[in-house]
PDB file of N, CA and C in Angstrom:
ATOM      1  N   UNK A   1       6.640  21.906   4.791  1.00  0.00           N
ATOM      2  CA  UNK A   1       7.281  21.070   3.788  1.00  0.00           C
ATOM      3  C   UNK A   1       8.787  21.150   3.986  1.00  0.00           C
ATOM      4  N   UNK A   2       9.408  20.022   3.991  1.00  0.00           N
ATOM      5  CA  UNK A   2      10.851  20.006   4.215  1.00  0.00           C
ATOM      6  C   UNK A   2      11.602  20.109   2.894  1.00  0.00           C
ATOM      7  N   UNK A   3      12.790  20.657   2.990  1.00  0.00           N
ATOM      8  CA  UNK A   3      13.681  20.755   1.836  1.00  0.00           C
ATOM      9  C   UNK A   3      14.843  19.816   2.106  1.00  0.00           C
ATOM     10  N   UNK A   4      15.260  19.095   1.118  1.00  0.00           N
ATOM     11  CA  UNK A   4      16.374  18.192   1.307  1.00  0.00           C
ATOM     12  C   UNK A   4      17.048  17.971  -0.037  1.00  0.00           C
ATOM     13  N   UNK A   5      18.202  17.390  -0.004  1.00  0.00           N
ATOM     14  CA  UNK A   5      18.921  17.096  -1.228  1.00  0.00           C
ATOM     15  C   UNK A   5      19.765  15.857  -1.052  1.00  0.00           C
ATOM     16  N   UNK A   6      20.187  15.325  -2.158  1.00  0.00           N
ATOM     17  CA  UNK A   6      21.013  14.133  -2.143  1.00  0.00           C
ATOM     18  C   UNK A   6      22.190  14.360  -3.066  1.00  0.00           C
ATOM     19  N   UNK A   7      23.367  14.129  -2.575  1.00  0.00           N
ATOM     20  CA  UNK A   7      24.581  14.243  -3.376  1.00  0.00           C
ATOM     21  C   UNK A   7      25.053  12.842  -3.714  1.00  0.00           C
ATOM     22  N   UNK A   8      25.126  12.569  -5.005  1.00  0.00           N
ATOM     23  CA  UNK A   8      25.574  11.254  -5.459  1.00  0.00           C
ATOM     24  C   UNK A   8      26.746  11.492  -6.396  1.00  0.00           C
ATOM     25  N   UNK A   9      27.906  11.053  -6.009  1.00  0.00           N
ATOM     26  CA  UNK A   9      29.109  11.231  -6.823  1.00  0.00           C
ATOM     27  C   UNK A   9      29.311   9.962  -7.656  1.00  0.00           C
ATOM     28  N   UNK A  10      28.473   9.794  -8.674  1.00  0.00           N
ATOM     29  CA  UNK A  10      28.537   8.590  -9.501  1.00  0.00           C
ATOM     30  C   UNK A  10      28.115   8.945 -10.924  1.00  0.00           C
ATOM     31  N   UNK A  11      28.065   7.958 -11.776  1.00  0.00           N
ATOM     32  CA  UNK A  11      27.629   8.159 -13.152  1.00  0.00           C
ATOM     33  C   UNK A  11      26.153   7.829 -13.332  1.00  0.00           C
ATOM     34  N   UNK A  12      25.403   7.800 -12.245  1.00  0.00           N
ATOM     35  CA  UNK A  12      23.976   7.483 -12.315  1.00  0.00           C
ATOM     36  C   UNK A  12      23.246   8.507 -13.178  1.00  0.00           C
ATOM     37  N   UNK A  13      22.299   8.030 -13.970  1.00  0.00           N
ATOM     38  CA  UNK A  13      21.507   8.927 -14.821  1.00  0.00           C
ATOM     39  C   UNK A  13      20.065   9.028 -14.360  1.00  0.00           C
ATOM     40  N   UNK A  14      19.735   8.433 -13.197  1.00  0.00           N
ATOM     41  CA  UNK A  14      18.389   8.551 -12.663  1.00  0.00           C
ATOM     42  C   UNK A  14      18.452   8.468 -11.133  1.00  0.00           C
ATOM     43  N   UNK A  15      17.386   8.937 -10.508  1.00  0.00           N
ATOM     44  CA  UNK A  15      17.286   8.907  -9.057  1.00  0.00           C
ATOM     45  C   UNK A  15      15.824   8.691  -8.704  1.00  0.00           C
ATOM     46  N   UNK A  16      15.552   7.794  -7.777  1.00  0.00           N
ATOM     47  CA  UNK A  16      14.192   7.525  -7.332  1.00  0.00           C
ATOM     48  C   UNK A  16      14.074   7.871  -5.860  1.00  0.00           C
ATOM     49  N   UNK A  17      13.143   8.742  -5.555  1.00  0.00           N
ATOM     50  CA  UNK A  17      12.860   9.112  -4.173  1.00  0.00           C
ATOM     51  C   UNK A  17      11.866   8.107  -3.630  1.00  0.00           C
ATOM     52  N   UNK A  18      12.240   7.353  -2.612  1.00  0.00           N
ATOM     53  CA  UNK A  18      11.419   6.247  -2.132  1.00  0.00           C
ATOM     54  C   UNK A  18      10.717   6.521  -0.804  1.00  0.00           C
ATOM     55  N   UNK A  19      10.998   7.627  -0.150  1.00  0.00           N
ATOM     56  CA  UNK A  19      10.323   7.897   1.117  1.00  0.00           C
ATOM     57  C   UNK A  19       9.902   9.358   1.155  1.00  0.00           C
ATOM     58  N   UNK A  20       8.884   9.648   1.931  1.00  0.00           N
ATOM     59  CA  UNK A  20       8.414  11.017   2.080  1.00  0.00           C
ATOM     60  C   UNK A  20       7.530  11.497   0.950  1.00  0.00           C
ATOM     61  N   UNK A  21       7.092  10.592   0.069  1.00  0.00           N
ATOM     62  CA  UNK A  21       6.243  10.982  -1.058  1.00  0.00           C
ATOM     63  C   UNK A  21       4.806  10.584  -0.747  1.00  0.00           C
ATOM     64  N   UNK A  22       3.902  11.561  -0.752  1.00  0.00           N
ATOM     65  CA  UNK A  22       2.487  11.300  -0.533  1.00  0.00           C
ATOM     66  C   UNK A  22       1.711  11.788  -1.749  1.00  0.00           C
ATOM     67  N   UNK A  23       0.634  11.085  -2.053  1.00  0.00           N
ATOM     68  CA  UNK A  23      -0.190  11.489  -3.199  1.00  0.00           C
ATOM     69  C   UNK A  23      -0.776  12.869  -2.982  1.00  0.00           C
ATOM     70  N   UNK A  24      -0.894  13.600  -4.074  1.00  0.00           N
ATOM     71  CA  UNK A  24      -1.528  14.907  -4.035  1.00  0.00           C
ATOM     72  C   UNK A  24      -0.577  16.058  -3.766  1.00  0.00           C
ATOM     73  N   UNK A  25       0.708  15.795  -3.602  1.00  0.00           N
ATOM     74  CA  UNK A  25       1.672  16.853  -3.343  1.00  0.00           C
ATOM     75  C   UNK A  25       2.417  17.229  -4.618  1.00  0.00           C
ATOM     76  N   UNK A  26       2.733  18.493  -4.740  1.00  0.00           N
ATOM     77  CA  UNK A  26       3.520  18.996  -5.859  1.00  0.00           C
ATOM     78  C   UNK A  26       4.944  19.203  -5.357  1.00  0.00           C
ATOM     79  N   UNK A  27       5.885  18.528  -5.988  1.00  0.00           N
ATOM     80  CA  UNK A  27       7.283  18.616  -5.598  1.00  0.00           C
ATOM     81  C   UNK A  27       8.056  19.450  -6.598  1.00  0.00           C
ATOM     82  N   UNK A  28       9.015  20.202  -6.103  1.00  0.00           N
ATOM     83  CA  UNK A  28       9.942  20.932  -6.964  1.00  0.00           C
ATOM     84  C   UNK A  28      11.239  20.144  -7.013  1.00  0.00           C
ATOM     85  N   UNK A  29      11.837  20.075  -8.184  1.00  0.00           N
ATOM     86  CA  UNK A  29      13.087  19.325  -8.313  1.00  0.00           C
ATOM     87  C   UNK A  29      14.032  20.076  -9.246  1.00  0.00           C
ATOM     88  N   UNK A  30      15.313  19.974  -8.937  1.00  0.00           N
ATOM     89  CA  UNK A  30      16.350  20.498  -9.817  1.00  0.00           C
ATOM     90  C   UNK A  30      17.598  19.647  -9.626  1.00  0.00           C
ATOM     91  N   UNK A  31      18.518  19.756 -10.537  1.00  0.00           N
ATOM     92  CA  UNK A  31      19.711  18.927 -10.451  1.00  0.00           C
ATOM     93  C   UNK A  31      20.902  19.678 -11.019  1.00  0.00           C
ATOM     94  N   UNK A  32      22.057  19.132 -10.785  1.00  0.00           N
ATOM     95  CA  UNK A  32      23.279  19.605 -11.416  1.00  0.00           C
ATOM     96  C   UNK A  32      24.177  18.397 -11.625  1.00  0.00           C
ATOM     97  N   UNK A  33      25.117  18.544 -12.504  1.00  0.00           N
ATOM     98  CA  UNK A  33      25.984  17.406 -12.829  1.00  0.00           C
ATOM     99  C   UNK A  33      27.443  17.790 -12.638  1.00  0.00           C
ATOM    100  N   UNK A  34      28.275  16.757 -12.536  1.00  0.00           N
ATOM    101  CA  UNK A  34      29.696  16.972 -12.307  1.00  0.00           C
ATOM    102  C   UNK A  34      30.490  16.191 -13.350  1.00  0.00           C
ATOM    103  N   UNK A  35      31.496  16.830 -13.903  1.00  0.00           N
ATOM    104  CA  UNK A  35      32.435  16.127 -14.774  1.00  0.00           C
ATOM    105  C   UNK A  35      33.850  16.469 -14.317  1.00  0.00           C
ATOM    106  N   UNK A  36      34.860  16.176 -15.133  1.00  0.00           N
ATOM    107  CA  UNK A  36      36.242  16.403 -14.706  1.00  0.00           C
ATOM    108  C   UNK A  36      36.545  17.886 -14.493  1.00  0.00           C
ATOM    109  N   UNK A  37      35.777  18.760 -15.094  1.00  0.00           N
ATOM    110  CA  UNK A  37      35.995  20.205 -14.937  1.00  0.00           C
ATOM    111  C   UNK A  37      35.359  20.726 -13.650  1.00  0.00           C
ATOM    112  N   UNK A  38      34.283  20.075 -13.209  1.00  0.00           N
ATOM    113  CA  UNK A  38      33.609  20.509 -11.982  1.00  0.00           C
ATOM    114  C   UNK A  38      32.099  20.412 -12.098  1.00  0.00           C
ATOM    115  N   UNK A  39      31.420  21.104 -11.197  1.00  0.00           N
ATOM    116  CA  UNK A  39      29.961  21.071 -11.132  1.00  0.00           C
ATOM    117  C   UNK A  39      29.343  22.050 -12.118  1.00  0.00           C
ATOM    118  N   UNK A  40      28.213  21.668 -12.710  1.00  0.00           N
ATOM    119  CA  UNK A  40      27.442  22.579 -13.566  1.00  0.00           C
ATOM    120  C   UNK A  40      26.601  23.491 -12.679  1.00  0.00           C
ATOM    121  N   UNK A  41      25.938  24.471 -13.292  1.00  0.00           N
ATOM    122  CA  UNK A  41      24.929  25.246 -12.585  1.00  0.00           C
ATOM    123  C   UNK A  41      23.716  24.340 -12.368  1.00  0.00           C
ATOM    124  N   UNK A  42      22.822  24.749 -11.461  1.00  0.00           N
ATOM    125  CA  UNK A  42      21.599  23.987 -11.246  1.00  0.00           C
ATOM    126  C   UNK A  42      20.674  24.122 -12.453  1.00  0.00           C
ATOM    127  N   UNK A  43      19.913  23.081 -12.712  1.00  0.00           N
ATOM    128  CA  UNK A  43      18.919  23.097 -13.777  1.00  0.00           C
ATOM    129  C   UNK A  43      17.781  24.040 -13.381  1.00  0.00           C
ATOM    130  N   UNK A  44      16.926  24.409 -14.351  1.00  0.00           N
ATOM    131  CA  UNK A  44      15.697  25.108 -13.972  1.00  0.00           C
ATOM    132  C   UNK A  44      14.858  24.187 -13.083  1.00  0.00           C
ATOM    133  N   UNK A  45      14.002  24.763 -12.263  1.00  0.00           N
ATOM    134  CA  UNK A  45      13.151  23.967 -11.380  1.00  0.00           C
ATOM    135  C   UNK A  45      12.063  23.296 -12.201  1.00  0.00           C
ATOM    136  N   UNK A  46      11.880  22.008 -11.962  1.00  0.00           N
ATOM    137  CA  UNK A  46      10.787  21.252 -12.576  1.00  0.00           C
ATOM    138  C   UNK A  46       9.779  20.902 -11.505  1.00  0.00           C
ATOM    139  N   UNK A  47       8.537  20.749 -11.896  1.00  0.00           N
ATOM    140  CA  UNK A  47       7.476  20.432 -10.941  1.00  0.00           C
ATOM    141  C   UNK A  47       6.933  19.040 -11.227  1.00  0.00           C
ATOM    142  N   UNK A  48       6.800  18.232 -10.179  1.00  0.00           N
ATOM    143  CA  UNK A  48       6.361  16.854 -10.297  1.00  0.00           C
ATOM    144  C   UNK A  48       5.175  16.647  -9.364  1.00  0.00           C
ATOM    145  N   UNK A  49       4.031  16.264  -9.922  1.00  0.00           N
ATOM    146  CA  UNK A  49       2.845  15.989  -9.115  1.00  0.00           C
ATOM    147  C   UNK A  49       2.824  14.506  -8.778  1.00  0.00           C
ATOM    148  N   UNK A  50       2.756  14.192  -7.494  1.00  0.00           N
ATOM    149  CA  UNK A  50       2.706  12.791  -7.085  1.00  0.00           C
ATOM    150  C   UNK A  50       1.251  12.330  -7.117  1.00  0.00           C
ATOM    151  N   UNK A  51       0.886  11.666  -8.208  1.00  0.00           N
ATOM    152  CA  UNK A  51      -0.489  11.213  -8.405  1.00  0.00           C
ATOM    153  C   UNK A  51      -0.491   9.931  -9.223  1.00  0.00           C
ATOM    154  N   UNK A  52      -1.588   9.217  -9.156  1.00  0.00           N
ATOM    155  CA  UNK A  52      -1.804   8.008  -9.941  1.00  0.00           C
ATOM    156  C   UNK A  52      -3.146   8.138 -10.650  1.00  0.00           C
ATOM    157  N   UNK A  53      -3.445   7.191 -11.531  1.00  0.00           N
ATOM    158  CA  UNK A  53      -4.740   7.222 -12.208  1.00  0.00           C
ATOM    159  C   UNK A  53      -5.853   7.122 -11.177  1.00  0.00           C
ATOM    160  N   UNK A  54      -6.947   7.882 -11.374  1.00  0.00           N
ATOM    161  CA  UNK A  54      -8.072   7.765 -10.443  1.00  0.00           C
ATOM    162  C   UNK A  54      -8.750   6.408 -10.592  1.00  0.00           C
ATOM    163  N   UNK A  55      -9.516   6.035  -9.576  1.00  0.00           N
ATOM    164  CA  UNK A  55     -10.255   4.774  -9.649  1.00  0.00           C
ATOM    165  C   UNK A  55     -11.378   4.897 -10.678  1.00  0.00           C
ATOM    166  N   UNK A  56     -11.828   3.763 -11.158  1.00  0.00           N
ATOM    167  CA  UNK A  56     -12.933   3.735 -12.122  1.00  0.00           C
ATOM    168  C   UNK A  56     -14.186   4.226 -11.422  1.00  0.00           C
ATOM    169  N   UNK A  57     -14.929   5.163 -12.046  1.00  0.00           N
ATOM    170  CA  UNK A  57     -16.155   5.636 -11.383  1.00  0.00           C
ATOM    171  C   UNK A  57     -17.210   4.528 -11.325  1.00  0.00           C
ATOM    172  N   UNK A  58     -18.158   4.660 -10.409  1.00  0.00           N
ATOM    173  CA  UNK A  58     -19.231   3.669 -10.331  1.00  0.00           C
ATOM    174  C   UNK A  58     -20.056   3.659 -11.624  1.00  0.00           C
ATOM    175  N   UNK A  59     -20.798   2.590 -11.816  1.00  0.00           N
ATOM    176  CA  UNK A  59     -21.648   2.467 -12.993  1.00  0.00           C
ATOM    177  C   UNK A  59     -22.661   3.615 -13.008  1.00  0.00           C
ATOM    178  N   UNK A  60     -22.924   4.223 -14.188  1.00  0.00           N
ATOM    179  CA  UNK A  60     -23.924   5.297 -14.265  1.00  0.00           C
ATOM    180  C   UNK A  60     -25.307   4.788 -13.847  1.00  0.00           C
ATOM    181  N   UNK A  61     -26.112   5.708 -13.343  1.00  0.00           N
ATOM    182  CA  UNK A  61     -27.472   5.382 -12.903  1.00  0.00           C
ATOM    183  C   UNK A  61     -28.457   5.979 -13.898  1.00  0.00           C
ATOM    184  N   UNK A  62     -29.394   5.169 -14.384  1.00  0.00           N
ATOM    185  CA  UNK A  62     -30.424   5.688 -15.292  1.00  0.00           C
ATOM    186  C   UNK A  62     -31.429   6.464 -14.447  1.00  0.00           C
ATOM    187  N   UNK A  63     -31.583   7.752 -14.777  1.00  0.00           N
ATOM    188  CA  UNK A  63     -32.491   8.621 -14.042  1.00  0.00           C
ATOM    189  C   UNK A  63     -33.866   8.614 -14.696  1.00  0.00           C
ATOM    190  N   UNK A  64     -33.868   8.706 -16.028  1.00  0.00           N
ATOM    191  CA  UNK A  64     -35.129   8.786 -16.764  1.00  0.00           C
ATOM    192  C   UNK A  64     -34.872   8.282 -18.176  1.00  0.00           C
ATOM    193  N   UNK A  65     -35.828   7.545 -18.722  1.00  0.00           N
ATOM    194  CA  UNK A  65     -35.681   7.048 -20.087  1.00  0.00           C
ATOM    195  C   UNK A  65     -37.014   7.087 -20.800  1.00  0.00           C
ATOM    196  N   UNK A  66     -36.948   7.396 -22.081  1.00  0.00           N
ATOM    197  CA  UNK A  66     -38.137   7.354 -22.941  1.00  0.00           C
ATOM    198  C   UNK A  66     -37.733   6.682 -24.243  1.00  0.00           C
ATOM    199  N   UNK A  67     -38.627   6.664 -25.214  1.00  0.00           N
ATOM    200  CA  UNK A  67     -38.325   6.033 -26.501  1.00  0.00           C
ATOM    201  C   UNK A  67     -37.232   6.794 -27.253  1.00  0.00           C
ATOM    202  N   UNK A  68     -37.042   8.087 -26.957  1.00  0.00           N
ATOM    203  CA  UNK A  68     -36.077   8.896 -27.715  1.00  0.00           C
ATOM    204  C   UNK A  68     -34.967   9.512 -26.867  1.00  0.00           C
ATOM    205  N   UNK A  69     -35.109   9.501 -25.560  1.00  0.00           N
ATOM    206  CA  UNK A  69     -34.116  10.140 -24.689  1.00  0.00           C
ATOM    207  C   UNK A  69     -33.767   9.249 -23.503  1.00  0.00           C
ATOM    208  N   UNK A  70     -32.581   9.493 -22.992  1.00  0.00           N
ATOM    209  CA  UNK A  70     -32.170   8.818 -21.762  1.00  0.00           C
ATOM    210  C   UNK A  70     -31.378   9.818 -20.924  1.00  0.00           C
ATOM    211  N   UNK A  71     -31.638   9.873 -19.649  1.00  0.00           N
ATOM    212  CA  UNK A  71     -30.893  10.736 -18.733  1.00  0.00           C
ATOM    213  C   UNK A  71     -30.188   9.829 -17.729  1.00  0.00           C
ATOM    214  N   UNK A  72     -28.899  10.061 -17.562  1.00  0.00           N
ATOM    215  CA  UNK A  72     -28.127   9.257 -16.619  1.00  0.00           C
ATOM    216  C   UNK A  72     -27.434  10.169 -15.610  1.00  0.00           C
ATOM    217  N   UNK A  73     -27.098   9.590 -14.483  1.00  0.00           N
ATOM    218  CA  UNK A  73     -26.330  10.292 -13.465  1.00  0.00           C
ATOM    219  C   UNK A  73     -24.967   9.621 -13.372  1.00  0.00           C
ATOM    220  N   UNK A  74     -23.913  10.417 -13.561  1.00  0.00           N
ATOM    221  CA  UNK A  74     -22.553   9.899 -13.470  1.00  0.00           C
ATOM    222  C   UNK A  74     -21.997  10.294 -12.110  1.00  0.00           C
ATOM    223  N   UNK A  75     -21.655   9.300 -11.318  1.00  0.00           N
ATOM    224  CA  UNK A  75     -21.136   9.548  -9.976  1.00  0.00           C
ATOM    225  C   UNK A  75     -19.614   9.719 -10.040  1.00  0.00           C
ATOM    226  N   UNK A  76     -19.053  10.507  -9.134  1.00  0.00           N
ATOM    227  CA  UNK A  76     -17.599  10.700  -9.143  1.00  0.00           C
ATOM    228  C   UNK A  76     -16.850   9.459  -8.665  1.00  0.00           C
ATOM    229  N   UNK A  77     -15.600   9.359  -9.065  1.00  0.00           N
ATOM    230  CA  UNK A  77     -14.731   8.274  -8.600  1.00  0.00           C
ATOM    231  C   UNK A  77     -14.557   8.384  -7.093  1.00  0.00           C
ATOM    232  N   UNK A  78     -14.400   7.248  -6.438  1.00  0.00           N
ATOM    233  CA  UNK A  78     -14.196   7.253  -4.993  1.00  0.00           C
ATOM    234  C   UNK A  78     -12.789   7.706  -4.619  1.00  0.00           C
ATOM    235  N   UNK A  79     -11.829   7.520  -5.513  1.00  0.00           N
ATOM    236  CA  UNK A  79     -10.439   7.897  -5.249  1.00  0.00           C
ATOM    237  C   UNK A  79      -9.926   8.699  -6.436  1.00  0.00           C
ATOM    238  N   UNK A  80      -9.585   9.968  -6.211  1.00  0.00           N
ATOM    239  CA  UNK A  80      -9.144  10.821  -7.308  1.00  0.00           C
ATOM    240  C   UNK A  80      -7.676  10.617  -7.693  1.00  0.00           C
ATOM    241  N   UNK A  81      -6.963   9.766  -6.995  1.00  0.00           N
ATOM    242  CA  UNK A  81      -5.581   9.459  -7.339  1.00  0.00           C
ATOM    243  C   UNK A  81      -4.580  10.508  -6.891  1.00  0.00           C
ATOM    244  N   UNK A  82      -5.039  11.542  -6.205  1.00  0.00           N
ATOM    245  CA  UNK A  82      -4.131  12.560  -5.715  1.00  0.00           C
ATOM    246  C   UNK A  82      -4.221  13.886  -6.450  1.00  0.00           C
ATOM    247  N   UNK A  83      -5.150  14.010  -7.384  1.00  0.00           N
ATOM    248  CA  UNK A  83      -5.317  15.272  -8.097  1.00  0.00           C
ATOM    249  C   UNK A  83      -6.776  15.469  -8.483  1.00  0.00           C
ATOM    250  N   UNK A  84      -7.124  16.650  -8.917  1.00  0.00           N
ATOM    251  CA  UNK A  84      -8.509  16.965  -9.281  1.00  0.00           C
ATOM    252  C   UNK A  84      -8.876  16.253 -10.571  1.00  0.00           C
ATOM    253  N   UNK A  85     -10.050  15.626 -10.606  1.00  0.00           N
ATOM    254  CA  UNK A  85     -10.564  15.013 -11.828  1.00  0.00           C
ATOM    255  C   UNK A  85     -11.225  16.128 -12.636  1.00  0.00           C
ATOM    256  N   UNK A  86     -10.776  16.313 -13.871  1.00  0.00           N
ATOM    257  CA  UNK A  86     -11.247  17.450 -14.672  1.00  0.00           C
ATOM    258  C   UNK A  86     -12.363  17.099 -15.643  1.00  0.00           C
ATOM    259  N   UNK A  87     -12.527  15.819 -15.965  1.00  0.00           N
ATOM    260  CA  UNK A  87     -13.618  15.447 -16.874  1.00  0.00           C
ATOM    261  C   UNK A  87     -13.891  13.956 -16.776  1.00  0.00           C
ATOM    262  N   UNK A  88     -15.082  13.582 -17.222  1.00  0.00           N
ATOM    263  CA  UNK A  88     -15.495  12.184 -17.292  1.00  0.00           C
ATOM    264  C   UNK A  88     -15.858  11.872 -18.716  1.00  0.00           C
TER     265      UNK A  88
END
Protein backbone atom coordinates (compact mmCIF):
# COMPACT_ATOMS: atom_id res chain seq x y z
CA UNK A 1 0.00 0.00 0.00
CA UNK A 2 1.41 3.34 -0.95
CA UNK A 3 1.47 6.42 1.23
CA UNK A 4 0.99 9.80 -0.33
CA UNK A 5 -0.18 13.27 0.50
CA UNK A 6 -1.43 16.39 -1.15
CA UNK A 7 -0.56 19.92 -0.15
CA UNK A 8 -3.15 22.48 -1.14
CA UNK A 9 -2.46 26.07 -0.16
CA UNK A 10 -6.02 27.34 -0.57
CA UNK A 11 -9.24 27.94 1.33
CA UNK A 12 -10.73 24.65 0.13
CA UNK A 13 -12.87 22.87 2.73
CA UNK A 14 -13.03 19.50 0.96
CA UNK A 15 -10.83 17.17 -1.06
CA UNK A 16 -11.82 14.29 -3.34
CA UNK A 17 -9.38 11.51 -4.13
CA UNK A 18 -10.16 10.46 -7.70
CA UNK A 19 -7.51 7.84 -8.48
CA UNK A 20 -6.06 4.82 -6.73
CA UNK A 21 -9.30 4.00 -4.88
CA UNK A 22 -10.52 0.41 -5.12
CA UNK A 23 -13.55 -1.10 -3.41
CA UNK A 24 -12.93 -3.09 -0.28
CA UNK A 25 -9.90 -1.13 0.94
CA UNK A 26 -9.64 0.68 4.25
CA UNK A 27 -7.89 4.03 3.95
CA UNK A 28 -6.36 6.10 6.71
CA UNK A 29 -6.69 9.85 6.43
CA UNK A 30 -5.58 12.87 8.42
CA UNK A 31 -5.29 16.56 7.72
CA UNK A 32 -3.93 19.82 9.00
CA UNK A 33 -4.83 23.40 8.28
CA UNK A 34 -2.95 26.63 7.76
CA UNK A 35 -3.84 30.17 8.75
CA UNK A 36 -1.86 33.42 9.08
CA UNK A 37 -0.10 32.05 12.18
CA UNK A 38 1.02 28.83 10.48
CA UNK A 39 0.20 25.14 10.24
CA UNK A 40 -1.88 23.28 12.83
CA UNK A 41 -0.94 19.86 14.20
CA UNK A 42 -2.24 16.87 12.24
CA UNK A 43 -5.76 15.67 13.02
CA UNK A 44 -6.33 12.24 14.58
CA UNK A 45 -6.32 9.47 11.97
CA UNK A 46 -9.72 8.68 10.50
CA UNK A 47 -10.57 5.45 8.71
CA UNK A 48 -12.57 5.40 5.47
CA UNK A 49 -13.85 2.17 3.91
CA UNK A 50 -14.21 2.38 0.15
CA UNK A 51 -17.49 0.52 -0.39
CA UNK A 52 -20.90 0.93 -1.98
CA UNK A 53 -24.29 -0.63 -1.30
CA UNK A 54 -24.33 -4.35 -2.11
CA UNK A 55 -26.40 -5.59 -5.03
CA UNK A 56 -29.95 -6.76 -4.41
CA UNK A 57 -29.93 -10.47 -3.52
CA UNK A 58 -31.69 -12.91 -5.83
CA UNK A 59 -35.34 -13.74 -5.20
CA UNK A 60 -35.78 -16.22 -2.30
CA UNK A 61 -36.45 -19.84 -3.22
CA UNK A 62 -39.34 -21.72 -1.61
CA UNK A 63 -37.86 -24.92 -0.19
CA UNK A 64 -40.92 -26.36 1.53
CA UNK A 65 -44.44 -25.14 2.23
CA UNK A 66 -47.43 -26.42 4.15
CA UNK A 67 -50.73 -24.94 5.34
CA UNK A 68 -48.99 -23.46 8.42
CA UNK A 69 -45.28 -23.17 7.58
CA UNK A 70 -43.02 -22.04 4.80
CA UNK A 71 -39.27 -22.57 4.45
CA UNK A 72 -37.28 -20.39 2.09
CA UNK A 73 -33.67 -20.22 1.00
CA UNK A 74 -32.11 -16.76 0.85
CA UNK A 75 -29.18 -16.61 -1.54
CA UNK A 76 -26.32 -14.14 -1.02
CA UNK A 77 -25.89 -11.02 -3.14
CA UNK A 78 -23.66 -11.47 -6.16
CA UNK A 79 -21.73 -8.27 -5.35
CA UNK A 80 -20.99 -7.36 -1.73
CA UNK A 81 -20.07 -3.77 -2.63
CA UNK A 82 -16.59 -4.05 -1.17
CA UNK A 83 -17.36 -5.15 2.39
CA UNK A 84 -18.78 -8.10 4.32
CA UNK A 85 -22.58 -8.40 4.30
CA UNK A 86 -23.59 -8.81 7.95
CA UNK A 87 -27.32 -9.50 7.67
CA UNK A 88 -30.24 -9.96 5.31
